[in-house]
PDB file of N, CA and C in Angstrom:
ATOM      1  N   UNK A   1      71.264  17.600 108.678  1.00  0.00           N
ATOM      2  CA  UNK A   1      71.830  18.606 109.525  1.00  0.00           C
ATOM      3  C   UNK A   1      72.406  17.905 110.746  1.00  0.00           C
ATOM      4  N   UNK A   2      73.556  18.338 111.176  1.00  0.00           N
ATOM      5  CA  UNK A   2      74.192  17.779 112.362  1.00  0.00           C
ATOM      6  C   UNK A   2      74.602  18.926 113.280  1.00  0.00           C
ATOM      7  N   UNK A   3      74.263  18.808 114.550  1.00  0.00           N
ATOM      8  CA  UNK A   3      74.615  19.844 115.519  1.00  0.00           C
ATOM      9  C   UNK A   3      75.325  19.198 116.701  1.00  0.00           C
ATOM     10  N   UNK A   4      76.461  19.739 117.052  1.00  0.00           N
ATOM     11  CA  UNK A   4      77.138  19.254 118.249  1.00  0.00           C
ATOM     12  C   UNK A   4      76.732  20.131 119.422  1.00  0.00           C
ATOM     13  N   UNK A   5      76.673  19.547 120.584  1.00  0.00           N
ATOM     14  CA  UNK A   5      76.366  20.318 121.783  1.00  0.00           C
ATOM     15  C   UNK A   5      74.884  20.543 122.032  1.00  0.00           C
ATOM     16  N   UNK A   6      74.006  20.002 121.191  1.00  0.00           N
ATOM     17  CA  UNK A   6      72.567  20.144 121.409  1.00  0.00           C
ATOM     18  C   UNK A   6      72.091  18.920 122.187  1.00  0.00           C
ATOM     19  N   UNK A   7      71.827  19.116 123.460  1.00  0.00           N
ATOM     20  CA  UNK A   7      71.440  18.009 124.326  1.00  0.00           C
ATOM     21  C   UNK A   7      69.949  17.737 124.254  1.00  0.00           C
ATOM     22  N   UNK A   8      69.582  16.548 124.693  1.00  0.00           N
ATOM     23  CA  UNK A   8      68.183  16.163 124.773  1.00  0.00           C
ATOM     24  C   UNK A   8      67.430  17.153 125.664  1.00  0.00           C
ATOM     25  N   UNK A   9      66.249  17.558 125.219  1.00  0.00           N
ATOM     26  CA  UNK A   9      65.442  18.503 125.989  1.00  0.00           C
ATOM     27  C   UNK A   9      65.615  19.948 125.554  1.00  0.00           C
ATOM     28  N   UNK A  10      66.622  20.253 124.746  1.00  0.00           N
ATOM     29  CA  UNK A  10      66.816  21.605 124.234  1.00  0.00           C
ATOM     30  C   UNK A  10      65.959  21.822 122.995  1.00  0.00           C
ATOM     31  N   UNK A  11      65.672  23.063 122.663  1.00  0.00           N
ATOM     32  CA  UNK A  11      64.834  23.408 121.516  1.00  0.00           C
ATOM     33  C   UNK A  11      65.706  23.963 120.405  1.00  0.00           C
ATOM     34  N   UNK A  12      65.518  23.452 119.212  1.00  0.00           N
ATOM     35  CA  UNK A  12      66.182  23.971 118.026  1.00  0.00           C
ATOM     36  C   UNK A  12      65.133  24.717 117.217  1.00  0.00           C
ATOM     37  N   UNK A  13      65.334  25.999 116.994  1.00  0.00           N
ATOM     38  CA  UNK A  13      64.419  26.817 116.201  1.00  0.00           C
ATOM     39  C   UNK A  13      65.007  26.925 114.804  1.00  0.00           C
ATOM     40  N   UNK A  14      64.292  26.422 113.811  1.00  0.00           N
ATOM     41  CA  UNK A  14      64.762  26.364 112.440  1.00  0.00           C
ATOM     42  C   UNK A  14      63.783  27.141 111.579  1.00  0.00           C
ATOM     43  N   UNK A  15      64.270  28.104 110.809  1.00  0.00           N
ATOM     44  CA  UNK A  15      63.394  28.960 110.021  1.00  0.00           C
ATOM     45  C   UNK A  15      63.874  29.016 108.574  1.00  0.00           C
ATOM     46  N   UNK A  16      62.924  29.006 107.643  1.00  0.00           N
ATOM     47  CA  UNK A  16      63.235  29.109 106.219  1.00  0.00           C
ATOM     48  C   UNK A  16      62.348  30.191 105.618  1.00  0.00           C
ATOM     49  N   UNK A  17      62.927  31.049 104.797  1.00  0.00           N
ATOM     50  CA  UNK A  17      62.161  32.047 104.052  1.00  0.00           C
ATOM     51  C   UNK A  17      62.274  31.711 102.575  1.00  0.00           C
ATOM     52  N   UNK A  18      61.147  31.577 101.899  1.00  0.00           N
ATOM     53  CA  UNK A  18      61.130  31.290 100.467  1.00  0.00           C
ATOM     54  C   UNK A  18      60.556  32.491  99.743  1.00  0.00           C
ATOM     55  N   UNK A  19      61.306  32.992  98.777  1.00  0.00           N
ATOM     56  CA  UNK A  19      60.858  34.138  97.995  1.00  0.00           C
ATOM     57  C   UNK A  19      60.902  33.745  96.525  1.00  0.00           C
ATOM     58  N   UNK A  20      59.750  33.718  95.880  1.00  0.00           N
ATOM     59  CA  UNK A  20      59.652  33.318  94.481  1.00  0.00           C
ATOM     60  C   UNK A  20      59.798  34.562  93.617  1.00  0.00           C
ATOM     61  N   UNK A  21      60.912  34.679  92.912  1.00  0.00           N
ATOM     62  CA  UNK A  21      61.183  35.869  92.099  1.00  0.00           C
ATOM     63  C   UNK A  21      60.608  35.749  90.683  1.00  0.00           C
ATOM     64  N   UNK A  22      60.603  34.529  90.123  1.00  0.00           N
ATOM     65  CA  UNK A  22      60.110  34.342  88.760  1.00  0.00           C
ATOM     66  C   UNK A  22      59.212  33.107  88.720  1.00  0.00           C
ATOM     67  N   UNK A  23      57.935  33.234  89.142  1.00  0.00           N
ATOM     68  CA  UNK A  23      57.040  32.080  89.109  1.00  0.00           C
ATOM     69  C   UNK A  23      56.765  31.651  87.659  1.00  0.00           C
ATOM     70  N   UNK A  24      56.392  30.385  87.457  1.00  0.00           N
ATOM     71  CA  UNK A  24      56.089  29.907  86.103  1.00  0.00           C
ATOM     72  C   UNK A  24      55.010  30.742  85.404  1.00  0.00           C
ATOM     73  N   UNK A  25      54.002  31.191  86.184  1.00  0.00           N
ATOM     74  CA  UNK A  25      52.948  32.060  85.668  1.00  0.00           C
ATOM     75  C   UNK A  25      52.787  33.195  86.665  1.00  0.00           C
ATOM     76  N   UNK A  26      52.432  34.397  86.237  1.00  0.00           N
ATOM     77  CA  UNK A  26      52.244  35.498  87.180  1.00  0.00           C
ATOM     78  C   UNK A  26      51.265  35.133  88.292  1.00  0.00           C
ATOM     79  N   UNK A  27      51.652  35.345  89.531  1.00  0.00           N
ATOM     80  CA  UNK A  27      50.788  35.059  90.669  1.00  0.00           C
ATOM     81  C   UNK A  27      50.757  33.595  91.075  1.00  0.00           C
ATOM     82  N   UNK A  28      51.585  32.764  90.438  1.00  0.00           N
ATOM     83  CA  UNK A  28      51.590  31.329  90.742  1.00  0.00           C
ATOM     84  C   UNK A  28      52.708  31.014  91.728  1.00  0.00           C
ATOM     85  N   UNK A  29      52.337  30.511  92.903  1.00  0.00           N
ATOM     86  CA  UNK A  29      53.295  30.133  93.931  1.00  0.00           C
ATOM     87  C   UNK A  29      52.868  28.795  94.505  1.00  0.00           C
ATOM     88  N   UNK A  30      53.823  27.959  94.825  1.00  0.00           N
ATOM     89  CA  UNK A  30      53.505  26.662  95.413  1.00  0.00           C
ATOM     90  C   UNK A  30      54.459  26.395  96.569  1.00  0.00           C
ATOM     91  N   UNK A  31      53.894  25.923  97.674  1.00  0.00           N
ATOM     92  CA  UNK A  31      54.720  25.538  98.816  1.00  0.00           C
ATOM     93  C   UNK A  31      53.951  24.484  99.603  1.00  0.00           C
ATOM     94  N   UNK A  32      54.660  23.474 100.056  1.00  0.00           N
ATOM     95  CA  UNK A  32      54.005  22.470 100.895  1.00  0.00           C
ATOM     96  C   UNK A  32      54.667  22.481 102.267  1.00  0.00           C
ATOM     97  N   UNK A  33      53.910  22.064 103.272  1.00  0.00           N
ATOM     98  CA  UNK A  33      54.386  22.060 104.655  1.00  0.00           C
ATOM     99  C   UNK A  33      53.743  20.894 105.364  1.00  0.00           C
ATOM    100  N   UNK A  34      54.518  20.178 106.127  1.00  0.00           N
ATOM    101  CA  UNK A  34      54.009  19.043 106.892  1.00  0.00           C
ATOM    102  C   UNK A  34      54.085  19.354 108.373  1.00  0.00           C
ATOM    103  N   UNK A  35      52.992  19.123 109.050  1.00  0.00           N
ATOM    104  CA  UNK A  35      52.946  19.323 110.491  1.00  0.00           C
ATOM    105  C   UNK A  35      53.776  18.250 111.184  1.00  0.00           C
ATOM    106  N   UNK A  36      53.679  17.029 110.697  1.00  0.00           N
ATOM    107  CA  UNK A  36      54.381  15.890 111.297  1.00  0.00           C
ATOM    108  C   UNK A  36      55.284  15.222 110.273  1.00  0.00           C
ATOM    109  N   UNK A  37      56.483  15.757 110.056  1.00  0.00           N
ATOM    110  CA  UNK A  37      57.396  15.121 109.110  1.00  0.00           C
ATOM    111  C   UNK A  37      57.954  13.815 109.683  1.00  0.00           C
ATOM    112  N   UNK A  38      58.834  13.176 108.970  1.00  0.00           N
ATOM    113  CA  UNK A  38      59.389  11.890 109.393  1.00  0.00           C
ATOM    114  C   UNK A  38      60.178  11.987 110.703  1.00  0.00           C
ATOM    115  N   UNK A  39      60.812  13.129 110.953  1.00  0.00           N
ATOM    116  CA  UNK A  39      61.557  13.303 112.201  1.00  0.00           C
ATOM    117  C   UNK A  39      60.637  13.871 113.273  1.00  0.00           C
ATOM    118  N   UNK A  40      60.857  13.538 114.543  1.00  0.00           N
ATOM    119  CA  UNK A  40      59.989  14.037 115.616  1.00  0.00           C
ATOM    120  C   UNK A  40      60.025  15.567 115.728  1.00  0.00           C
ATOM    121  N   UNK A  41      58.851  16.167 115.847  1.00  0.00           N
ATOM    122  CA  UNK A  41      58.725  17.623 115.980  1.00  0.00           C
ATOM    123  C   UNK A  41      57.775  17.925 117.125  1.00  0.00           C
ATOM    124  N   UNK A  42      58.173  18.818 118.037  1.00  0.00           N
ATOM    125  CA  UNK A  42      57.313  19.180 119.161  1.00  0.00           C
ATOM    126  C   UNK A  42      56.410  20.364 118.826  1.00  0.00           C
ATOM    127  N   UNK A  43      56.966  21.355 118.119  1.00  0.00           N
ATOM    128  CA  UNK A  43      56.186  22.530 117.720  1.00  0.00           C
ATOM    129  C   UNK A  43      56.386  22.758 116.233  1.00  0.00           C
ATOM    130  N   UNK A  44      55.313  23.105 115.548  1.00  0.00           N
ATOM    131  CA  UNK A  44      55.380  23.334 114.116  1.00  0.00           C
ATOM    132  C   UNK A  44      54.604  24.605 113.792  1.00  0.00           C
ATOM    133  N   UNK A  45      55.172  25.445 112.917  1.00  0.00           N
ATOM    134  CA  UNK A  45      54.531  26.729 112.611  1.00  0.00           C
ATOM    135  C   UNK A  45      54.876  27.142 111.191  1.00  0.00           C
ATOM    136  N   UNK A  46      53.873  27.608 110.458  1.00  0.00           N
ATOM    137  CA  UNK A  46      54.097  28.184 109.137  1.00  0.00           C
ATOM    138  C   UNK A  46      53.323  29.482 109.050  1.00  0.00           C
ATOM    139  N   UNK A  47      53.963  30.518 108.505  1.00  0.00           N
ATOM    140  CA  UNK A  47      53.334  31.834 108.346  1.00  0.00           C
ATOM    141  C   UNK A  47      53.412  32.219 106.871  1.00  0.00           C
ATOM    142  N   UNK A  48      52.275  32.619 106.306  1.00  0.00           N
ATOM    143  CA  UNK A  48      52.215  33.157 104.945  1.00  0.00           C
ATOM    144  C   UNK A  48      51.855  34.624 105.076  1.00  0.00           C
ATOM    145  N   UNK A  49      52.711  35.497 104.540  1.00  0.00           N
ATOM    146  CA  UNK A  49      52.580  36.949 104.654  1.00  0.00           C
ATOM    147  C   UNK A  49      52.366  37.511 103.249  1.00  0.00           C
ATOM    148  N   UNK A  50      51.169  38.084 102.995  1.00  0.00           N
ATOM    149  CA  UNK A  50      50.841  38.585 101.658  1.00  0.00           C
ATOM    150  C   UNK A  50      50.275  40.000 101.745  1.00  0.00           C
ATOM    151  N   UNK A  51      50.331  40.759 100.638  1.00  0.00           N
ATOM    152  CA  UNK A  51      49.695  42.079 100.624  1.00  0.00           C
ATOM    153  C   UNK A  51      48.187  41.940 100.815  1.00  0.00           C
ATOM    154  N   UNK A  52      47.554  42.967 101.382  1.00  0.00           N
ATOM    155  CA  UNK A  52      46.114  42.934 101.671  1.00  0.00           C
ATOM    156  C   UNK A  52      45.275  42.608 100.436  1.00  0.00           C
ATOM    157  N   UNK A  53      45.613  43.093  99.282  1.00  0.00           N
ATOM    158  CA  UNK A  53      44.812  42.866  98.080  1.00  0.00           C
ATOM    159  C   UNK A  53      44.946  41.472  97.479  1.00  0.00           C
ATOM    160  N   UNK A  54      45.875  40.667  97.977  1.00  0.00           N
ATOM    161  CA  UNK A  54      46.119  39.341  97.419  1.00  0.00           C
ATOM    162  C   UNK A  54      45.393  38.298  98.255  1.00  0.00           C
ATOM    163  N   UNK A  55      44.578  37.454  97.607  1.00  0.00           N
ATOM    164  CA  UNK A  55      43.855  36.398  98.315  1.00  0.00           C
ATOM    165  C   UNK A  55      44.401  35.043  97.866  1.00  0.00           C
ATOM    166  N   UNK A  56      45.239  34.423  98.689  1.00  0.00           N
ATOM    167  CA  UNK A  56      45.811  33.134  98.302  1.00  0.00           C
ATOM    168  C   UNK A  56      44.792  32.005  98.440  1.00  0.00           C
ATOM    169  N   UNK A  57      45.024  30.929  97.712  1.00  0.00           N
ATOM    170  CA  UNK A  57      44.201  29.725  97.841  1.00  0.00           C
ATOM    171  C   UNK A  57      45.016  28.686  98.589  1.00  0.00           C
ATOM    172  N   UNK A  58      44.401  28.076  99.587  1.00  0.00           N
ATOM    173  CA  UNK A  58      45.077  27.061 100.389  1.00  0.00           C
ATOM    174  C   UNK A  58      44.339  25.744 100.273  1.00  0.00           C
ATOM    175  N   UNK A  59      45.064  24.667 100.263  1.00  0.00           N
ATOM    176  CA  UNK A  59      44.482  23.330 100.344  1.00  0.00           C
ATOM    177  C   UNK A  59      45.027  22.706 101.628  1.00  0.00           C
ATOM    178  N   UNK A  60      44.147  22.557 102.608  1.00  0.00           N
ATOM    179  CA  UNK A  60      44.542  22.010 103.902  1.00  0.00           C
ATOM    180  C   UNK A  60      43.987  20.592 104.023  1.00  0.00           C
ATOM    181  N   UNK A  61      44.830  19.673 104.450  1.00  0.00           N
ATOM    182  CA  UNK A  61      44.396  18.278 104.586  1.00  0.00           C
ATOM    183  C   UNK A  61      44.781  17.751 105.956  1.00  0.00           C
ATOM    184  N   UNK A  62      43.846  17.070 106.594  1.00  0.00           N
ATOM    185  CA  UNK A  62      44.088  16.331 107.841  1.00  0.00           C
ATOM    186  C   UNK A  62      44.654  17.188 108.979  1.00  0.00           C
ATOM    187  N   UNK A  63      44.157  18.386 109.149  1.00  0.00           N
ATOM    188  CA  UNK A  63      44.597  19.235 110.259  1.00  0.00           C
ATOM    189  C   UNK A  63      43.617  19.108 111.423  1.00  0.00           C
ATOM    190  N   UNK A  64      44.149  19.055 112.625  1.00  0.00           N
ATOM    191  CA  UNK A  64      43.277  19.017 113.809  1.00  0.00           C
ATOM    192  C   UNK A  64      43.272  20.366 114.525  1.00  0.00           C
ATOM    193  N   UNK A  65      43.658  21.430 113.822  1.00  0.00           N
ATOM    194  CA  UNK A  65      43.645  22.789 114.347  1.00  0.00           C
ATOM    195  C   UNK A  65      43.344  23.741 113.192  1.00  0.00           C
ATOM    196  N   UNK A  66      42.915  24.965 113.519  1.00  0.00           N
ATOM    197  CA  UNK A  66      42.577  25.953 112.496  1.00  0.00           C
ATOM    198  C   UNK A  66      43.700  26.979 112.353  1.00  0.00           C
ATOM    199  N   UNK A  67      43.821  27.520 111.159  1.00  0.00           N
ATOM    200  CA  UNK A  67      44.793  28.597 110.944  1.00  0.00           C
ATOM    201  C   UNK A  67      44.227  29.895 111.498  1.00  0.00           C
ATOM    202  N   UNK A  68      45.092  30.831 111.830  1.00  0.00           N
ATOM    203  CA  UNK A  68      44.657  32.160 112.241  1.00  0.00           C
ATOM    204  C   UNK A  68      44.979  33.137 111.118  1.00  0.00           C
ATOM    205  N   UNK A  69      44.268  34.259 111.125  1.00  0.00           N
ATOM    206  CA  UNK A  69      44.467  35.279 110.097  1.00  0.00           C
ATOM    207  C   UNK A  69      44.384  36.636 110.762  1.00  0.00           C
ATOM    208  N   UNK A  70      45.373  37.493 110.481  1.00  0.00           N
ATOM    209  CA  UNK A  70      45.305  38.867 110.994  1.00  0.00           C
ATOM    210  C   UNK A  70      45.850  39.821 109.945  1.00  0.00           C
ATOM    211  N   UNK A  71      45.232  41.015 109.888  1.00  0.00           N
ATOM    212  CA  UNK A  71      45.616  42.030 108.919  1.00  0.00           C
ATOM    213  C   UNK A  71      46.064  43.281 109.655  1.00  0.00           C
ATOM    214  N   UNK A  72      47.231  43.793 109.243  1.00  0.00           N
ATOM    215  CA  UNK A  72      47.773  45.027 109.832  1.00  0.00           C
ATOM    216  C   UNK A  72      48.852  45.573 108.905  1.00  0.00           C
ATOM    217  N   UNK A  73      48.924  46.890 108.822  1.00  0.00           N
ATOM    218  CA  UNK A  73      49.971  47.539 108.048  1.00  0.00           C
ATOM    219  C   UNK A  73      50.003  47.159 106.586  1.00  0.00           C
ATOM    220  N   UNK A  74      48.832  46.915 106.004  1.00  0.00           N
ATOM    221  CA  UNK A  74      48.774  46.586 104.578  1.00  0.00           C
ATOM    222  C   UNK A  74      49.149  45.147 104.252  1.00  0.00           C
ATOM    223  N   UNK A  75      49.301  44.293 105.270  1.00  0.00           N
ATOM    224  CA  UNK A  75      49.673  42.894 105.077  1.00  0.00           C
ATOM    225  C   UNK A  75      48.666  41.987 105.773  1.00  0.00           C
ATOM    226  N   UNK A  76      48.479  40.800 105.235  1.00  0.00           N
ATOM    227  CA  UNK A  76      47.670  39.784 105.894  1.00  0.00           C
ATOM    228  C   UNK A  76      48.576  38.601 106.215  1.00  0.00           C
ATOM    229  N   UNK A  77      48.525  38.159 107.469  1.00  0.00           N
ATOM    230  CA  UNK A  77      49.320  37.026 107.922  1.00  0.00           C
ATOM    231  C   UNK A  77      48.395  35.836 108.179  1.00  0.00           C
ATOM    232  N   UNK A  78      48.697  34.719 107.560  1.00  0.00           N
ATOM    233  CA  UNK A  78      48.013  33.469 107.795  1.00  0.00           C
ATOM    234  C   UNK A  78      48.998  32.596 108.574  1.00  0.00           C
ATOM    235  N   UNK A  79      48.565  32.071 109.716  1.00  0.00           N
ATOM    236  CA  UNK A  79      49.466  31.299 110.562  1.00  0.00           C
ATOM    237  C   UNK A  79      48.859  29.951 110.911  1.00  0.00           C
ATOM    238  N   UNK A  80      49.642  28.914 110.722  1.00  0.00           N
ATOM    239  CA  UNK A  80      49.319  27.564 111.155  1.00  0.00           C
ATOM    240  C   UNK A  80      50.328  27.215 112.244  1.00  0.00           C
ATOM    241  N   UNK A  81      49.871  26.887 113.426  1.00  0.00           N
ATOM    242  CA  UNK A  81      50.791  26.574 114.518  1.00  0.00           C
ATOM    243  C   UNK A  81      50.187  25.503 115.424  1.00  0.00           C
ATOM    244  N   UNK A  82      51.018  24.571 115.797  1.00  0.00           N
ATOM    245  CA  UNK A  82      50.588  23.521 116.709  1.00  0.00           C
ATOM    246  C   UNK A  82      51.787  23.029 117.500  1.00  0.00           C
TER     247      UNK A  82
END
């Protein structure tokens, strides 16, 4: 990605939404996220939003912070932020 006019000290907010329409097996979803990728990052955040009845399985490695979880409006949000 290349951006003109973005000076040192400015914040770039980059967001991606992934929606799996046809998983290999029903209920099978995979996504990986790195807190510290190869490029410098000051703030990192990932949110997983699922229906209340769905309990996802997470594998967390080498984190120095805990995820938060909140339920409202029939949805559960899992958030990792640092």
